[in-house]
Amino acid sequence: MAEKTRYSDEELQEFKDIINEKLALARRDYEQMMRTLMNEDGNDVDDTSPTYKILEEGSSAQTKEELTQLACRQQKFIQGLEAALVRIENKTYGIDRLTGKLIPKERLRAVPHATLSVESKQNRKK
């Protein structure tokens, strides 16, 4: 029996559903982070009232910096998921970009934007 070279349309649809669900959550989280960074959710006067508490200002700056980093990571995750949807449309989804073999379903369910199998990823790090 020949080795399978791509996932069936039914399997691709399953992955598409998983990705769309994760994409909706990721976009919602990203928008929430951006609203927080832009102070759109707040009805307070933090950005206009004078403050003399240096430690609190430092803490606030650190929190915003961490949130900015999280937003950047979330944006990268969204881009990875969107690229996975393109691969599904092209019927190249789930194919290891180094070996050309299928990435196991378990990995794709856990990391739907993966382009490498665990083995390829480990070999690449060496």
N, C-alpha and C. Protein backbone atom coordinates (compact mmCIF):
# COMPACT_ATOMS: atom_id res chain seq x y z
N MET A 1 0.83 -1.18 0.00
CA MET A 1 0.00 0.00 0.00
C MET A 1 0.88 1.25 0.00
N ALA A 2 0.57 2.18 -0.87
CA ALA A 2 1.36 3.40 -1.00
C ALA A 2 1.16 4.30 0.21
N GLU A 3 2.22 5.03 0.55
CA GLU A 3 2.13 5.95 1.67
C GLU A 3 1.28 7.14 1.28
N LYS A 4 0.44 7.57 2.18
CA LYS A 4 -0.46 8.69 1.96
C LYS A 4 0.36 9.97 1.80
N THR A 5 0.06 10.76 0.76
CA THR A 5 0.84 11.97 0.50
C THR A 5 0.14 13.25 0.91
N ARG A 6 -1.18 13.18 1.15
CA ARG A 6 -1.90 14.36 1.62
C ARG A 6 -3.15 13.91 2.37
N TYR A 7 -3.70 14.82 3.16
CA TYR A 7 -4.93 14.52 3.89
C TYR A 7 -6.13 14.63 2.96
N SER A 8 -7.16 13.84 3.25
CA SER A 8 -8.38 13.85 2.44
C SER A 8 -9.13 15.16 2.66
N ASP A 9 -10.08 15.43 1.77
CA ASP A 9 -10.88 16.65 1.90
C ASP A 9 -11.65 16.68 3.23
N GLU A 10 -12.12 15.51 3.68
CA GLU A 10 -12.84 15.44 4.95
C GLU A 10 -11.91 15.78 6.12
N GLU A 11 -10.68 15.25 6.06
CA GLU A 11 -9.71 15.54 7.12
C GLU A 11 -9.33 17.02 7.09
N LEU A 12 -9.16 17.56 5.89
CA LEU A 12 -8.83 18.98 5.77
C LEU A 12 -9.95 19.85 6.33
N GLN A 13 -11.19 19.43 6.13
CA GLN A 13 -12.32 20.19 6.68
C GLN A 13 -12.30 20.16 8.21
N GLU A 14 -11.94 19.01 8.78
CA GLU A 14 -11.82 18.92 10.24
C GLU A 14 -10.78 19.91 10.75
N PHE A 15 -9.63 19.95 10.08
CA PHE A 15 -8.57 20.88 10.48
C PHE A 15 -9.01 22.33 10.27
N LYS A 16 -9.74 22.59 9.20
CA LYS A 16 -10.23 23.93 8.92
C LYS A 16 -11.15 24.41 10.03
N ASP A 17 -12.02 23.52 10.51
CA ASP A 17 -12.92 23.86 11.60
C ASP A 17 -12.14 24.18 12.87
N ILE A 18 -11.13 23.37 13.16
CA ILE A 18 -10.28 23.60 14.34
C ILE A 18 -9.59 24.96 14.23
N ILE A 19 -9.03 25.23 13.06
CA ILE A 19 -8.29 26.48 12.85
C ILE A 19 -9.23 27.68 12.95
N ASN A 20 -10.40 27.60 12.34
CA ASN A 20 -11.34 28.72 12.41
C ASN A 20 -11.77 29.01 13.83
N GLU A 21 -11.94 27.97 14.63
CA GLU A 21 -12.30 28.15 16.03
C GLU A 21 -11.16 28.85 16.79
N LYS A 22 -9.94 28.37 16.59
CA LYS A 22 -8.78 28.98 17.25
C LYS A 22 -8.56 30.40 16.76
N LEU A 23 -8.80 30.63 15.49
CA LEU A 23 -8.62 31.96 14.90
C LEU A 23 -9.60 32.96 15.50
N ALA A 24 -10.84 32.56 15.69
CA ALA A 24 -11.83 33.45 16.29
C ALA A 24 -11.43 33.84 17.71
N LEU A 25 -10.97 32.86 18.49
CA LEU A 25 -10.52 33.13 19.85
C LEU A 25 -9.28 34.02 19.87
N ALA A 26 -8.35 33.74 18.98
CA ALA A 26 -7.10 34.51 18.92
C ALA A 26 -7.38 35.96 18.54
N ARG A 27 -8.26 36.16 17.56
CA ARG A 27 -8.61 37.53 17.16
C ARG A 27 -9.31 38.27 18.29
N ARG A 28 -10.21 37.59 19.00
CA ARG A 28 -10.89 38.22 20.12
C ARG A 28 -9.89 38.64 21.19
N ASP A 29 -8.96 37.74 21.52
CA ASP A 29 -7.95 38.05 22.53
C ASP A 29 -7.06 39.21 22.08
N TYR A 30 -6.68 39.21 20.80
CA TYR A 30 -5.83 40.27 20.28
C TYR A 30 -6.55 41.63 20.36
N GLU A 31 -7.81 41.65 19.97
CA GLU A 31 -8.58 42.90 20.03
C GLU A 31 -8.71 43.39 21.47
N GLN A 32 -8.89 42.48 22.40
CA GLN A 32 -8.96 42.85 23.82
C GLN A 32 -7.64 43.46 24.28
N MET A 33 -6.53 42.85 23.88
CA MET A 33 -5.21 43.39 24.25
C MET A 33 -5.03 44.79 23.68
N MET A 34 -5.43 44.97 22.42
CA MET A 34 -5.26 46.28 21.79
C MET A 34 -6.15 47.33 22.46
N ARG A 35 -7.37 46.96 22.82
CA ARG A 35 -8.25 47.91 23.52
C ARG A 35 -7.63 48.31 24.86
N THR A 36 -7.03 47.34 25.54
CA THR A 36 -6.38 47.64 26.82
C THR A 36 -5.19 48.56 26.61
N LEU A 37 -4.39 48.28 25.60
CA LEU A 37 -3.22 49.12 25.33
C LEU A 37 -3.61 50.54 24.93
N MET A 38 -4.71 50.66 24.20
CA MET A 38 -5.17 51.97 23.75
C MET A 38 -6.05 52.67 24.79
N ASN A 39 -6.25 51.99 25.91
CA ASN A 39 -7.04 52.52 27.01
C ASN A 39 -8.48 52.81 26.58
N GLU A 40 -9.00 51.98 25.66
CA GLU A 40 -10.36 52.18 25.18
C GLU A 40 -11.40 51.62 26.14
N ASP A 41 -11.00 50.66 26.96
CA ASP A 41 -11.95 50.05 27.88
C ASP A 41 -12.07 50.82 29.19
N GLY A 42 -11.11 51.68 29.43
CA GLY A 42 -11.09 52.36 30.71
C GLY A 42 -11.93 53.63 30.70
N ASN A 43 -12.54 53.89 31.83
CA ASN A 43 -13.29 55.12 31.99
C ASN A 43 -12.68 55.91 33.14
N ASP A 44 -11.39 55.63 33.35
CA ASP A 44 -10.73 56.26 34.47
C ASP A 44 -9.89 57.45 34.00
N VAL A 45 -9.13 57.99 34.91
CA VAL A 45 -8.33 59.17 34.61
C VAL A 45 -6.84 58.89 34.73
N ASP A 46 -6.45 57.61 34.59
CA ASP A 46 -5.04 57.24 34.74
C ASP A 46 -4.13 58.00 33.80
N ASP A 47 -4.60 58.25 32.59
CA ASP A 47 -3.74 58.89 31.60
C ASP A 47 -3.77 60.41 31.69
N THR A 48 -4.65 60.97 32.52
CA THR A 48 -4.73 62.43 32.59
C THR A 48 -4.43 62.99 33.97
N SER A 49 -4.59 62.20 35.00
CA SER A 49 -4.36 62.73 36.36
C SER A 49 -2.87 62.70 36.69
N PRO A 50 -2.40 63.74 37.35
CA PRO A 50 -0.98 63.74 37.72
C PRO A 50 -0.72 62.68 38.79
N THR A 51 0.39 62.05 38.66
CA THR A 51 0.74 61.03 39.65
C THR A 51 2.18 61.26 40.10
N TYR A 52 2.41 60.98 41.34
CA TYR A 52 3.74 61.19 41.90
C TYR A 52 4.31 59.89 42.43
N LYS A 53 3.72 58.81 42.02
CA LYS A 53 4.15 57.51 42.52
C LYS A 53 5.03 56.84 41.47
N ILE A 54 6.30 57.05 41.57
CA ILE A 54 7.26 56.56 40.59
C ILE A 54 7.18 55.04 40.43
N LEU A 55 7.08 54.31 41.52
CA LEU A 55 7.04 52.86 41.43
C LEU A 55 5.81 52.38 40.67
N GLU A 56 4.70 53.02 40.89
CA GLU A 56 3.49 52.62 40.16
C GLU A 56 3.63 52.92 38.67
N GLU A 57 4.26 54.02 38.33
CA GLU A 57 4.48 54.35 36.92
C GLU A 57 5.36 53.30 36.26
N GLY A 58 6.41 52.88 36.97
CA GLY A 58 7.29 51.84 36.43
C GLY A 58 6.56 50.54 36.23
N SER A 59 5.74 50.20 37.19
CA SER A 59 4.96 48.97 37.09
C SER A 59 3.98 49.03 35.93
N SER A 60 3.37 50.18 35.76
CA SER A 60 2.41 50.37 34.67
C SER A 60 3.12 50.26 33.32
N ALA A 61 4.30 50.86 33.21
CA ALA A 61 5.06 50.79 31.96
C ALA A 61 5.47 49.35 31.66
N GLN A 62 5.88 48.62 32.68
CA GLN A 62 6.27 47.23 32.49
C GLN A 62 5.08 46.39 32.05
N THR A 63 3.93 46.63 32.65
CA THR A 63 2.72 45.89 32.28
C THR A 63 2.36 46.16 30.83
N LYS A 64 2.44 47.42 30.40
CA LYS A 64 2.13 47.76 29.01
C LYS A 64 3.14 47.12 28.06
N GLU A 65 4.39 47.09 28.44
CA GLU A 65 5.42 46.47 27.61
C GLU A 65 5.16 44.97 27.46
N GLU A 66 4.81 44.33 28.56
CA GLU A 66 4.50 42.89 28.51
C GLU A 66 3.27 42.63 27.66
N LEU A 67 2.27 43.48 27.78
CA LEU A 67 1.05 43.33 26.99
C LEU A 67 1.33 43.56 25.50
N THR A 68 2.22 44.48 25.21
CA THR A 68 2.61 44.72 23.82
C THR A 68 3.31 43.49 23.24
N GLN A 69 4.18 42.87 24.02
CA GLN A 69 4.84 41.65 23.57
C GLN A 69 3.84 40.53 23.35
N LEU A 70 2.89 40.39 24.26
CA LEU A 70 1.85 39.37 24.10
C LEU A 70 1.02 39.63 22.84
N ALA A 71 0.70 40.89 22.59
CA ALA A 71 -0.08 41.24 21.39
C ALA A 71 0.70 40.90 20.13
N CYS A 72 2.00 41.13 20.13
CA CYS A 72 2.83 40.79 18.97
C CYS A 72 2.85 39.28 18.75
N ARG A 73 2.98 38.53 19.82
CA ARG A 73 2.96 37.06 19.70
C ARG A 73 1.61 36.58 19.21
N GLN A 74 0.55 37.21 19.69
CA GLN A 74 -0.80 36.82 19.27
C GLN A 74 -1.01 37.12 17.79
N GLN A 75 -0.48 38.25 17.35
CA GLN A 75 -0.59 38.61 15.93
C GLN A 75 0.17 37.61 15.06
N LYS A 76 1.32 37.18 15.50
CA LYS A 76 2.09 36.17 14.78
C LYS A 76 1.34 34.84 14.73
N PHE A 77 0.67 34.47 15.84
CA PHE A 77 -0.13 33.26 15.90
C PHE A 77 -1.29 33.34 14.91
N ILE A 78 -1.95 34.49 14.85
CA ILE A 78 -3.05 34.70 13.91
C ILE A 78 -2.56 34.54 12.47
N GLN A 79 -1.41 35.12 12.17
CA GLN A 79 -0.85 35.00 10.82
C GLN A 79 -0.53 33.55 10.49
N GLY A 80 -0.04 32.80 11.46
CA GLY A 80 0.25 31.38 11.25
C GLY A 80 -1.02 30.59 10.96
N LEU A 81 -2.09 30.90 11.69
CA LEU A 81 -3.37 30.23 11.45
C LEU A 81 -3.94 30.59 10.08
N GLU A 82 -3.83 31.86 9.71
CA GLU A 82 -4.32 32.28 8.39
C GLU A 82 -3.53 31.60 7.27
N ALA A 83 -2.23 31.45 7.46
CA ALA A 83 -1.40 30.76 6.47
C ALA A 83 -1.80 29.29 6.38
N ALA A 84 -2.17 28.69 7.51
CA ALA A 84 -2.62 27.30 7.51
C ALA A 84 -3.91 27.15 6.71
N LEU A 85 -4.80 28.13 6.80
CA LEU A 85 -6.03 28.10 5.99
C LEU A 85 -5.72 28.15 4.50
N VAL A 86 -4.72 28.92 4.13
CA VAL A 86 -4.30 28.98 2.72
C VAL A 86 -3.77 27.62 2.28
N ARG A 87 -2.98 26.97 3.14
CA ARG A 87 -2.46 25.65 2.81
C ARG A 87 -3.58 24.63 2.67
N ILE A 88 -4.64 24.78 3.47
CA ILE A 88 -5.79 23.88 3.34
C ILE A 88 -6.43 24.08 1.97
N GLU A 89 -6.62 25.32 1.58
CA GLU A 89 -7.23 25.61 0.27
C GLU A 89 -6.36 25.06 -0.86
N ASN A 90 -5.05 25.11 -0.68
CA ASN A 90 -4.11 24.60 -1.70
C ASN A 90 -3.91 23.10 -1.60
N LYS A 91 -4.51 22.49 -0.57
CA LYS A 91 -4.40 21.05 -0.30
C LYS A 91 -2.96 20.62 -0.01
N THR A 92 -2.20 21.54 0.58
CA THR A 92 -0.83 21.22 1.00
C THR A 92 -0.71 21.22 2.52
N TYR A 93 -1.83 21.37 3.20
CA TYR A 93 -1.83 21.43 4.67
C TYR A 93 -1.40 20.08 5.25
N GLY A 94 -0.60 20.16 6.30
CA GLY A 94 -0.21 18.95 7.02
C GLY A 94 0.98 18.23 6.43
N ILE A 95 1.61 18.84 5.44
CA ILE A 95 2.79 18.22 4.82
C ILE A 95 4.03 18.90 5.40
N ASP A 96 4.91 18.10 5.96
CA ASP A 96 6.16 18.60 6.55
C ASP A 96 6.96 19.30 5.45
N ARG A 97 7.33 20.54 5.70
CA ARG A 97 8.01 21.31 4.65
C ARG A 97 9.47 20.89 4.44
N LEU A 98 10.01 20.07 5.33
CA LEU A 98 11.38 19.57 5.13
C LEU A 98 11.40 18.18 4.49
N THR A 99 10.55 17.30 5.00
CA THR A 99 10.59 15.91 4.54
C THR A 99 9.56 15.60 3.46
N GLY A 100 8.50 16.39 3.38
CA GLY A 100 7.43 16.12 2.43
C GLY A 100 6.46 15.05 2.89
N LYS A 101 6.66 14.54 4.10
CA LYS A 101 5.77 13.52 4.66
C LYS A 101 4.65 14.20 5.45
N LEU A 102 3.60 13.44 5.73
CA LEU A 102 2.48 14.00 6.50
C LEU A 102 2.86 14.19 7.96
N ILE A 103 2.45 15.33 8.49
CA ILE A 103 2.61 15.60 9.92
C ILE A 103 1.48 14.83 10.62
N PRO A 104 1.76 14.13 11.71
CA PRO A 104 0.72 13.36 12.40
C PRO A 104 -0.47 14.24 12.80
N LYS A 105 -1.65 13.65 12.71
CA LYS A 105 -2.88 14.37 13.05
C LYS A 105 -2.86 14.92 14.47
N GLU A 106 -2.30 14.15 15.39
CA GLU A 106 -2.27 14.58 16.79
C GLU A 106 -1.53 15.91 16.92
N ARG A 107 -0.44 16.04 16.21
CA ARG A 107 0.33 17.29 16.26
C ARG A 107 -0.47 18.43 15.66
N LEU A 108 -1.12 18.18 14.55
CA LEU A 108 -1.89 19.23 13.89
C LEU A 108 -3.10 19.65 14.72
N ARG A 109 -3.66 18.73 15.46
CA ARG A 109 -4.78 19.10 16.33
C ARG A 109 -4.30 19.98 17.48
N ALA A 110 -3.10 19.71 17.96
CA ALA A 110 -2.54 20.49 19.07
C ALA A 110 -1.94 21.82 18.58
N VAL A 111 -1.26 21.78 17.44
CA VAL A 111 -0.61 22.95 16.86
C VAL A 111 -1.05 23.05 15.40
N PRO A 112 -2.24 23.58 15.15
CA PRO A 112 -2.79 23.54 13.80
C PRO A 112 -2.04 24.34 12.75
N HIS A 113 -1.16 25.22 13.16
CA HIS A 113 -0.39 26.00 12.20
C HIS A 113 1.01 25.41 11.96
N ALA A 114 1.25 24.21 12.47
CA ALA A 114 2.56 23.57 12.34
C ALA A 114 2.89 23.28 10.87
N THR A 115 4.14 23.49 10.52
CA THR A 115 4.62 23.16 9.17
C THR A 115 5.72 22.10 9.23
N LEU A 116 6.07 21.70 10.45
CA LEU A 116 7.10 20.69 10.66
C LEU A 116 6.59 19.63 11.63
N SER A 117 6.99 18.40 11.41
CA SER A 117 6.69 17.35 12.40
C SER A 117 7.63 17.59 13.58
N VAL A 118 7.35 16.94 14.69
CA VAL A 118 8.19 17.07 15.87
C VAL A 118 9.61 16.61 15.54
N GLU A 119 9.72 15.52 14.81
CA GLU A 119 11.03 14.98 14.44
C GLU A 119 11.82 15.99 13.61
N SER A 120 11.18 16.58 12.61
CA SER A 120 11.86 17.58 11.77
C SER A 120 12.28 18.79 12.58
N LYS A 121 11.42 19.21 13.49
CA LYS A 121 11.73 20.37 14.31
C LYS A 121 12.95 20.09 15.20
N GLN A 122 12.99 18.89 15.78
CA GLN A 122 14.12 18.53 16.62
C GLN A 122 15.40 18.41 15.81
N ASN A 123 15.32 17.82 14.62
CA ASN A 123 16.50 17.70 13.75
C ASN A 123 17.00 19.05 13.31
N ARG A 124 16.10 19.98 13.11
CA ARG A 124 16.46 21.33 12.66
C ARG A 124 17.22 22.09 13.73
N LYS A 125 16.91 21.81 15.00
CA LYS A 125 17.58 22.50 16.11
C LYS A 125 19.01 22.03 16.31
N LYS A 126 19.30 20.82 15.84
CA LYS A 126 20.64 20.24 16.07
C LYS A 126 21.69 20.87 15.22
